[in-house]
Amino acid sequence: MNTLTQMFAVVQTYAPLLMSGACMTIFVWIITCIISIFFGVLFGILSCKKLQHPFMRWLLNCYIVCAKGIPAYVQILIVYFVLPQIVPFSFSPLVAGIIALGFCSAGYMTEIIRSAINTVQSGQWDACFVLGYTTPLALRRIILPQMFASTISPISGELEQLLKSSSLLSTIGVLEITRVAQNIVARELNALSVYLSIAIFYIAISLIISLITKKIERSLS
């Protein structure tokens, strides 16, 4: 009982710090989600079979190999420590982390979107062009709406993975919830209560994402 009371006391004492870290985690996650989805959709369209250009296909394949082949943690270290030695400016830990996670996740998102577009029958494209649709109009009105339903689940999985990957930013000093928890544990030497609290936070956000995904899938069905 004393141990349980002590756990609640530690969490209550540092609740404002944990809340601040949680807000930073959510902020990083939202920004990286926007980057991932935007570039994932753009690159997925440019690399689909119907629209791909030989040079663009090669370029995007190189990008996807790098984004998927290099661990997210290593990408964060490269952007924060290595890139400033190549370009004449440096990034703050927060900006470097967002760039690295967005770069990494967009590679997976590109594969999801490209695969979904490629599953749309070529007859759909031909019908659009016969009816006088331009390529952007065909994508917006016919192709993308058809592939949207099949991508809900894999996109949701990638966004959940992106949420968990945000904890890697703690290694370069970003005060997201994992870094805040590490600082509290270093001071209080009570790892159980603090790490259990952030585990509950990640589970709660993942459940929210899952519930939203299921609601969207039900509405589309």
C-alpha atoms as a PDB file:
ATOM      1  CA  MET A   1       0.000   0.000   0.000  1.00  0.00           C
ATOM      2  CA  ASN A   2       2.841   2.374   0.829  1.00  0.00           C
ATOM      3  CA  THR A   3       4.392   1.670  -2.556  1.00  0.00           C
ATOM      4  CA  LEU A   4       1.111   2.470  -4.347  1.00  0.00           C
ATOM      5  CA  THR A   5       0.707   5.676  -2.350  1.00  0.00           C
ATOM      6  CA  GLN A   6       4.252   6.674  -3.184  1.00  0.00           C
ATOM      7  CA  MET A   7       3.606   6.044  -6.871  1.00  0.00           C
ATOM      8  CA  PHE A   8       0.567   8.329  -6.917  1.00  0.00           C
ATOM      9  CA  ALA A   9       2.435  10.967  -4.909  1.00  0.00           C
ATOM     10  CA  VAL A  10       5.302  11.086  -7.426  1.00  0.00           C
ATOM     11  CA  VAL A  11       2.943  11.277 -10.403  1.00  0.00           C
ATOM     12  CA  GLN A  12       0.846  13.973  -8.719  1.00  0.00           C
ATOM     13  CA  THR A  13       3.916  16.027  -7.858  1.00  0.00           C
ATOM     14  CA  TYR A  14       5.244  15.981 -11.407  1.00  0.00           C
ATOM     15  CA  ALA A  15       1.887  16.042 -13.195  1.00  0.00           C
ATOM     16  CA  PRO A  16       2.495  19.514 -14.746  1.00  0.00           C
ATOM     17  CA  LEU A  17       5.844  18.373 -16.175  1.00  0.00           C
ATOM     18  CA  LEU A  18       4.359  15.140 -17.483  1.00  0.00           C
ATOM     19  CA  MET A  19       1.486  17.083 -19.028  1.00  0.00           C
ATOM     20  CA  SER A  20       3.933  19.452 -20.687  1.00  0.00           C
ATOM     21  CA  GLY A  21       5.854  16.491 -22.092  1.00  0.00           C
ATOM     22  CA  ALA A  22       2.618  14.896 -23.302  1.00  0.00           C
ATOM     23  CA  CYS A  23       1.655  18.106 -25.109  1.00  0.00           C
ATOM     24  CA  MET A  24       5.068  18.202 -26.791  1.00  0.00           C
ATOM     25  CA  THR A  25       4.696  14.566 -27.862  1.00  0.00           C
ATOM     26  CA  ILE A  26       1.273  15.246 -29.364  1.00  0.00           C
ATOM     27  CA  PHE A  27       2.581  18.383 -31.107  1.00  0.00           C
ATOM     28  CA  VAL A  28       5.495  16.493 -32.650  1.00  0.00           C
ATOM     29  CA  TRP A  29       3.192  13.663 -33.670  1.00  0.00           C
ATOM     30  CA  ILE A  30       0.651  15.950 -35.361  1.00  0.00           C
ATOM     31  CA  ILE A  31       3.315  17.847 -37.349  1.00  0.00           C
ATOM     32  CA  THR A  32       5.071  14.665 -38.450  1.00  0.00           C
ATOM     33  CA  CYS A  33       1.724  13.098 -39.406  1.00  0.00           C
ATOM     34  CA  ILE A  34       1.004  16.076 -41.666  1.00  0.00           C
ATOM     35  CA  ILE A  35       4.450  15.802 -43.267  1.00  0.00           C
ATOM     36  CA  SER A  36       4.151  12.035 -43.669  1.00  0.00           C
ATOM     37  CA  ILE A  37       0.683  12.100 -45.227  1.00  0.00           C
ATOM     38  CA  PHE A  38       1.384  15.070 -47.525  1.00  0.00           C
ATOM     39  CA  PHE A  39       4.613  13.729 -48.981  1.00  0.00           C
ATOM     40  CA  GLY A  40       3.388  10.133 -48.853  1.00  0.00           C
ATOM     41  CA  VAL A  41       0.368  10.966 -51.010  1.00  0.00           C
ATOM     42  CA  LEU A  42       2.432  13.169 -53.354  1.00  0.00           C
ATOM     43  CA  PHE A  43       5.231  10.630 -53.832  1.00  0.00           C
ATOM     44  CA  GLY A  44       2.754   7.747 -53.988  1.00  0.00           C
ATOM     45  CA  ILE A  45       0.949   9.429 -56.875  1.00  0.00           C
ATOM     46  CA  LEU A  46       4.184  10.285 -58.697  1.00  0.00           C
ATOM     47  CA  SER A  47       5.470   6.714 -58.380  1.00  0.00           C
ATOM     48  CA  CYS A  48       2.284   4.813 -59.337  1.00  0.00           C
ATOM     49  CA  LYS A  49       2.398   2.722 -62.504  1.00  0.00           C
ATOM     50  CA  LYS A  50       0.103   4.977 -64.514  1.00  0.00           C
ATOM     51  CA  LEU A  51       2.000   8.218 -63.876  1.00  0.00           C
ATOM     52  CA  GLN A  52       5.571   7.240 -63.098  1.00  0.00           C
ATOM     53  CA  HIS A  53       8.451   8.773 -65.052  1.00  0.00           C
ATOM     54  CA  PRO A  54      11.630   6.650 -65.369  1.00  0.00           C
ATOM     55  CA  PHE A  55      13.868   9.220 -63.672  1.00  0.00           C
ATOM     56  CA  MET A  56      11.260  10.103 -61.031  1.00  0.00           C
ATOM     57  CA  ARG A  57      10.709   6.403 -60.340  1.00  0.00           C
ATOM     58  CA  TRP A  58      14.445   5.894 -59.804  1.00  0.00           C
ATOM     59  CA  LEU A  59      14.672   8.965 -57.578  1.00  0.00           C
ATOM     60  CA  LEU A  60      11.715   7.968 -55.439  1.00  0.00           C
ATOM     61  CA  ASN A  61      12.937   4.376 -55.157  1.00  0.00           C
ATOM     62  CA  CYS A  62      16.260   5.675 -53.823  1.00  0.00           C
ATOM     63  CA  TYR A  63      14.393   7.814 -51.303  1.00  0.00           C
ATOM     64  CA  ILE A  64      12.191   4.906 -50.169  1.00  0.00           C
ATOM     65  CA  VAL A  65      15.223   2.639 -49.744  1.00  0.00           C
ATOM     66  CA  CYS A  66      16.890   5.251 -47.527  1.00  0.00           C
ATOM     67  CA  ALA A  67      13.736   6.098 -45.566  1.00  0.00           C
ATOM     68  CA  LYS A  68      12.879   2.448 -44.880  1.00  0.00           C
ATOM     69  CA  GLY A  69      16.368   1.016 -44.701  1.00  0.00           C
ATOM     70  CA  ILE A  70      17.908   3.432 -42.186  1.00  0.00           C
ATOM     71  CA  PRO A  71      16.523   3.158 -38.632  1.00  0.00           C
ATOM     72  CA  ALA A  72      14.565   6.215 -37.488  1.00  0.00           C
ATOM     73  CA  TYR A  73      17.000   6.705 -34.603  1.00  0.00           C
ATOM     74  CA  VAL A  74      19.969   6.878 -36.985  1.00  0.00           C
ATOM     75  CA  GLN A  75      18.080   9.308 -39.224  1.00  0.00           C
ATOM     76  CA  ILE A  76      17.507  11.588 -36.237  1.00  0.00           C
ATOM     77  CA  LEU A  77      21.223  11.520 -35.419  1.00  0.00           C
ATOM     78  CA  ILE A  78      22.145  12.253 -39.045  1.00  0.00           C
ATOM     79  CA  VAL A  79      19.820  15.264 -39.299  1.00  0.00           C
ATOM     80  CA  TYR A  80      20.869  16.688 -35.932  1.00  0.00           C
ATOM     81  CA  PHE A  81      24.611  15.991 -35.922  1.00  0.00           C
ATOM     82  CA  VAL A  82      25.732  15.293 -39.511  1.00  0.00           C
ATOM     83  CA  LEU A  83      23.563  17.555 -41.685  1.00  0.00           C
ATOM     84  CA  PRO A  84      24.808  20.807 -40.044  1.00  0.00           C
ATOM     85  CA  GLN A  85      28.335  19.839 -41.182  1.00  0.00           C
ATOM     86  CA  ILE A  86      27.109  19.713 -44.795  1.00  0.00           C
ATOM     87  CA  VAL A  87      24.738  22.698 -44.964  1.00  0.00           C
ATOM     88  CA  PRO A  88      25.621  26.178 -43.612  1.00  0.00           C
ATOM     89  CA  PHE A  89      23.046  26.102 -40.819  1.00  0.00           C
ATOM     90  CA  SER A  90      21.964  23.884 -37.966  1.00  0.00           C
ATOM     91  CA  PHE A  91      18.618  22.693 -36.625  1.00  0.00           C
ATOM     92  CA  SER A  92      17.208  22.827 -33.122  1.00  0.00           C
ATOM     93  CA  PRO A  93      16.573  19.402 -31.576  1.00  0.00           C
ATOM     94  CA  LEU A  94      12.826  19.781 -32.130  1.00  0.00           C
ATOM     95  CA  VAL A  95      13.126  20.752 -35.814  1.00  0.00           C
ATOM     96  CA  ALA A  96      15.733  18.058 -36.480  1.00  0.00           C
ATOM     97  CA  GLY A  97      13.534  15.416 -34.889  1.00  0.00           C
ATOM     98  CA  ILE A  98      10.458  16.478 -36.862  1.00  0.00           C
ATOM     99  CA  ILE A  99      12.382  16.479 -40.151  1.00  0.00           C
ATOM    100  CA  ALA A 100      13.888  13.047 -39.489  1.00  0.00           C
ATOM    101  CA  LEU A 101      10.635  11.387 -38.386  1.00  0.00           C
ATOM    102  CA  GLY A 102       8.693  12.999 -41.222  1.00  0.00           C
ATOM    103  CA  PHE A 103      11.307  11.834 -43.745  1.00  0.00           C
ATOM    104  CA  CYS A 104      11.239   8.294 -42.374  1.00  0.00           C
ATOM    105  CA  SER A 105       7.470   7.932 -42.106  1.00  0.00           C
ATOM    106  CA  ALA A 106       6.788   9.479 -45.533  1.00  0.00           C
ATOM    107  CA  GLY A 107       8.763   6.621 -47.094  1.00  0.00           C
ATOM    108  CA  TYR A 108       6.406   4.040 -45.608  1.00  0.00           C
ATOM    109  CA  MET A 109       3.387   6.198 -46.449  1.00  0.00           C
ATOM    110  CA  THR A 110       4.547   6.441 -50.072  1.00  0.00           C
ATOM    111  CA  GLU A 111       4.556   2.664 -50.353  1.00  0.00           C
ATOM    112  CA  ILE A 112       1.053   2.444 -48.852  1.00  0.00           C
ATOM    113  CA  ILE A 113      -0.402   5.027 -51.240  1.00  0.00           C
ATOM    114  CA  ARG A 114       1.434   3.729 -54.299  1.00  0.00           C
ATOM    115  CA  SER A 115       0.295   0.165 -53.688  1.00  0.00           C
ATOM    116  CA  ALA A 116      -3.305   1.289 -53.186  1.00  0.00           C
ATOM    117  CA  ILE A 117      -3.349   3.367 -56.384  1.00  0.00           C
ATOM    118  CA  ASN A 118      -1.850   0.479 -58.345  1.00  0.00           C
ATOM    119  CA  THR A 119      -4.737  -1.765 -57.277  1.00  0.00           C
ATOM    120  CA  VAL A 120      -7.233   0.514 -59.063  1.00  0.00           C
ATOM    121  CA  GLN A 121      -8.030  -1.066 -62.432  1.00  0.00           C
ATOM    122  CA  SER A 122      -6.492   0.626 -65.464  1.00  0.00           C
ATOM    123  CA  GLY A 123      -9.971   0.752 -66.994  1.00  0.00           C
ATOM    124  CA  GLN A 124     -10.875   3.384 -64.416  1.00  0.00           C
ATOM    125  CA  TRP A 125      -8.070   5.609 -65.708  1.00  0.00           C
ATOM    126  CA  ASP A 126      -9.105   4.996 -69.317  1.00  0.00           C
ATOM    127  CA  ALA A 127     -12.712   5.870 -68.537  1.00  0.00           C
ATOM    128  CA  CYS A 128     -11.626   9.134 -66.926  1.00  0.00           C
ATOM    129  CA  PHE A 129      -9.559  10.149 -69.923  1.00  0.00           C
ATOM    130  CA  VAL A 130     -12.373   9.201 -72.345  1.00  0.00           C
ATOM    131  CA  LEU A 131     -14.717  11.455 -70.379  1.00  0.00           C
ATOM    132  CA  GLY A 132     -12.220  14.303 -70.734  1.00  0.00           C
ATOM    133  CA  TYR A 133     -10.920  14.332 -67.162  1.00  0.00           C
ATOM    134  CA  THR A 134      -7.486  15.805 -66.626  1.00  0.00           C
ATOM    135  CA  THR A 135      -5.069  13.724 -64.568  1.00  0.00           C
ATOM    136  CA  PRO A 136      -5.466  15.854 -61.384  1.00  0.00           C
ATOM    137  CA  LEU A 137      -9.254  15.755 -61.760  1.00  0.00           C
ATOM    138  CA  ALA A 138      -9.247  11.986 -62.323  1.00  0.00           C
ATOM    139  CA  LEU A 139      -7.138  11.511 -59.210  1.00  0.00           C
ATOM    140  CA  ARG A 140      -9.265  13.779 -57.051  1.00  0.00           C
ATOM    141  CA  ARG A 141     -12.701  12.546 -58.123  1.00  0.00           C
ATOM    142  CA  ILE A 142     -12.228   8.924 -59.164  1.00  0.00           C
ATOM    143  CA  ILE A 143      -8.913   7.277 -58.249  1.00  0.00           C
ATOM    144  CA  LEU A 144      -8.094   8.572 -54.756  1.00  0.00           C
ATOM    145  CA  PRO A 145     -11.636   8.100 -53.347  1.00  0.00           C
ATOM    146  CA  GLN A 146     -11.583   4.461 -54.515  1.00  0.00           C
ATOM    147  CA  MET A 147      -8.257   3.675 -52.868  1.00  0.00           C
ATOM    148  CA  PHE A 148      -9.026   5.589 -49.669  1.00  0.00           C
ATOM    149  CA  ALA A 149     -11.017   2.817 -47.993  1.00  0.00           C
ATOM    150  CA  SER A 150      -8.280   0.229 -48.516  1.00  0.00           C
ATOM    151  CA  THR A 151      -5.604   2.473 -46.986  1.00  0.00           C
ATOM    152  CA  ILE A 152      -7.355   3.391 -43.717  1.00  0.00           C
ATOM    153  CA  SER A 153      -5.948   0.465 -41.738  1.00  0.00           C
ATOM    154  CA  PRO A 154      -2.296   0.621 -42.950  1.00  0.00           C
ATOM    155  CA  ILE A 155      -2.230   4.415 -42.600  1.00  0.00           C
ATOM    156  CA  SER A 156      -3.562   4.106 -39.057  1.00  0.00           C
ATOM    157  CA  GLY A 157      -0.850   1.559 -38.264  1.00  0.00           C
ATOM    158  CA  GLU A 158       1.845   3.869 -39.616  1.00  0.00           C
ATOM    159  CA  LEU A 159       0.531   6.823 -37.603  1.00  0.00           C
ATOM    160  CA  GLU A 160       0.540   4.722 -34.440  1.00  0.00           C
ATOM    161  CA  GLN A 161       4.116   3.684 -35.166  1.00  0.00           C
ATOM    162  CA  LEU A 162       4.984   7.346 -35.686  1.00  0.00           C
ATOM    163  CA  LEU A 163       3.577   8.169 -32.256  1.00  0.00           C
ATOM    164  CA  LYS A 164       5.831   5.572 -30.634  1.00  0.00           C
ATOM    165  CA  SER A 165       8.836   6.702 -32.677  1.00  0.00           C
ATOM    166  CA  SER A 166       8.451  10.213 -31.259  1.00  0.00           C
ATOM    167  CA  SER A 167      10.017   8.892 -28.043  1.00  0.00           C
ATOM    168  CA  LEU A 168      13.328   8.655 -29.940  1.00  0.00           C
ATOM    169  CA  LEU A 169      13.548  12.450 -29.853  1.00  0.00           C
ATOM    170  CA  SER A 170      14.438  12.148 -26.180  1.00  0.00           C
ATOM    171  CA  THR A 171      17.946  11.108 -27.271  1.00  0.00           C
ATOM    172  CA  ILE A 172      18.672  14.586 -28.684  1.00  0.00           C
ATOM    173  CA  GLY A 173      17.128  16.484 -25.771  1.00  0.00           C
ATOM    174  CA  VAL A 174      13.589  17.206 -26.943  1.00  0.00           C
ATOM    175  CA  LEU A 175      11.424  17.492 -23.828  1.00  0.00           C
ATOM    176  CA  GLU A 176       8.680  15.158 -24.974  1.00  0.00           C
ATOM    177  CA  ILE A 177       7.063  12.865 -22.434  1.00  0.00           C
ATOM    178  CA  THR A 178       9.756  10.163 -22.474  1.00  0.00           C
ATOM    179  CA  ARG A 179      12.565  12.675 -21.881  1.00  0.00           C
ATOM    180  CA  VAL A 180      10.582  14.332 -19.101  1.00  0.00           C
ATOM    181  CA  ALA A 181      10.023  10.931 -17.502  1.00  0.00           C
ATOM    182  CA  GLN A 182      13.744  10.140 -17.685  1.00  0.00           C
ATOM    183  CA  ASN A 183      14.545  13.414 -15.921  1.00  0.00           C
ATOM    184  CA  ILE A 184      11.996  12.707 -13.185  1.00  0.00           C
ATOM    185  CA  VAL A 185      13.297   9.173 -12.649  1.00  0.00           C
ATOM    186  CA  ALA A 186      16.859  10.491 -12.393  1.00  0.00           C
ATOM    187  CA  ARG A 187      15.717  12.777  -9.597  1.00  0.00           C
ATOM    188  CA  GLU A 188      13.215  10.604  -7.716  1.00  0.00           C
ATOM    189  CA  LEU A 189      14.658   7.126  -8.444  1.00  0.00           C
ATOM    190  CA  ASN A 190      11.114   5.828  -8.839  1.00  0.00           C
ATOM    191  CA  ALA A 191      10.994   4.323 -12.308  1.00  0.00           C
ATOM    192  CA  LEU A 192       7.885   2.203 -11.785  1.00  0.00           C
ATOM    193  CA  SER A 193       5.332   4.972 -11.290  1.00  0.00           C
ATOM    194  CA  VAL A 194       6.766   7.361 -13.879  1.00  0.00           C
ATOM    195  CA  TYR A 195       7.321   4.900 -16.713  1.00  0.00           C
ATOM    196  CA  LEU A 196       3.986   3.233 -16.003  1.00  0.00           C
ATOM    197  CA  SER A 197       2.325   6.638 -16.378  1.00  0.00           C
ATOM    198  CA  ILE A 198       3.837   7.321 -19.794  1.00  0.00           C
ATOM    199  CA  ALA A 199       3.020   3.765 -20.902  1.00  0.00           C
ATOM    200  CA  ILE A 200      -0.635   4.466 -20.068  1.00  0.00           C
ATOM    201  CA  PHE A 201      -0.396   7.716 -22.048  1.00  0.00           C
ATOM    202  CA  TYR A 202       0.858   5.933 -25.180  1.00  0.00           C
ATOM    203  CA  ILE A 203      -1.792   3.223 -24.834  1.00  0.00           C
ATOM    204  CA  ALA A 204      -4.535   5.848 -24.472  1.00  0.00           C
ATOM    205  CA  ILE A 205      -3.483   7.731 -27.620  1.00  0.00           C
ATOM    206  CA  SER A 206      -3.146   4.474 -29.570  1.00  0.00           C
ATOM    207  CA  LEU A 207      -6.649   3.436 -28.496  1.00  0.00           C
ATOM    208  CA  ILE A 208      -8.036   6.793 -29.613  1.00  0.00           C
ATOM    209  CA  ILE A 209      -6.406   6.374 -33.037  1.00  0.00           C
ATOM    210  CA  SER A 210      -7.781   2.843 -33.273  1.00  0.00           C
ATOM    211  CA  LEU A 211     -11.320   3.948 -32.351  1.00  0.00           C
ATOM    212  CA  ILE A 212     -11.245   6.760 -34.922  1.00  0.00           C
ATOM    213  CA  THR A 213      -9.997   4.329 -37.566  1.00  0.00           C
ATOM    214  CA  LYS A 214     -12.792   1.847 -36.849  1.00  0.00           C
ATOM    215  CA  LYS A 215     -15.388   4.615 -36.951  1.00  0.00           C
ATOM    216  CA  ILE A 216     -14.127   5.779 -40.356  1.00  0.00           C
ATOM    217  CA  GLU A 217     -14.105   2.208 -41.671  1.00  0.00           C
ATOM    218  CA  ARG A 218     -17.690   1.665 -40.487  1.00  0.00           C
ATOM    219  CA  SER A 219     -18.866   4.896 -42.087  1.00  0.00           C
ATOM    220  CA  LEU A 220     -17.217   3.982 -45.392  1.00  0.00           C
ATOM    221  CA  SER A 221     -18.672   0.469 -45.378  1.00  0.00           C
END
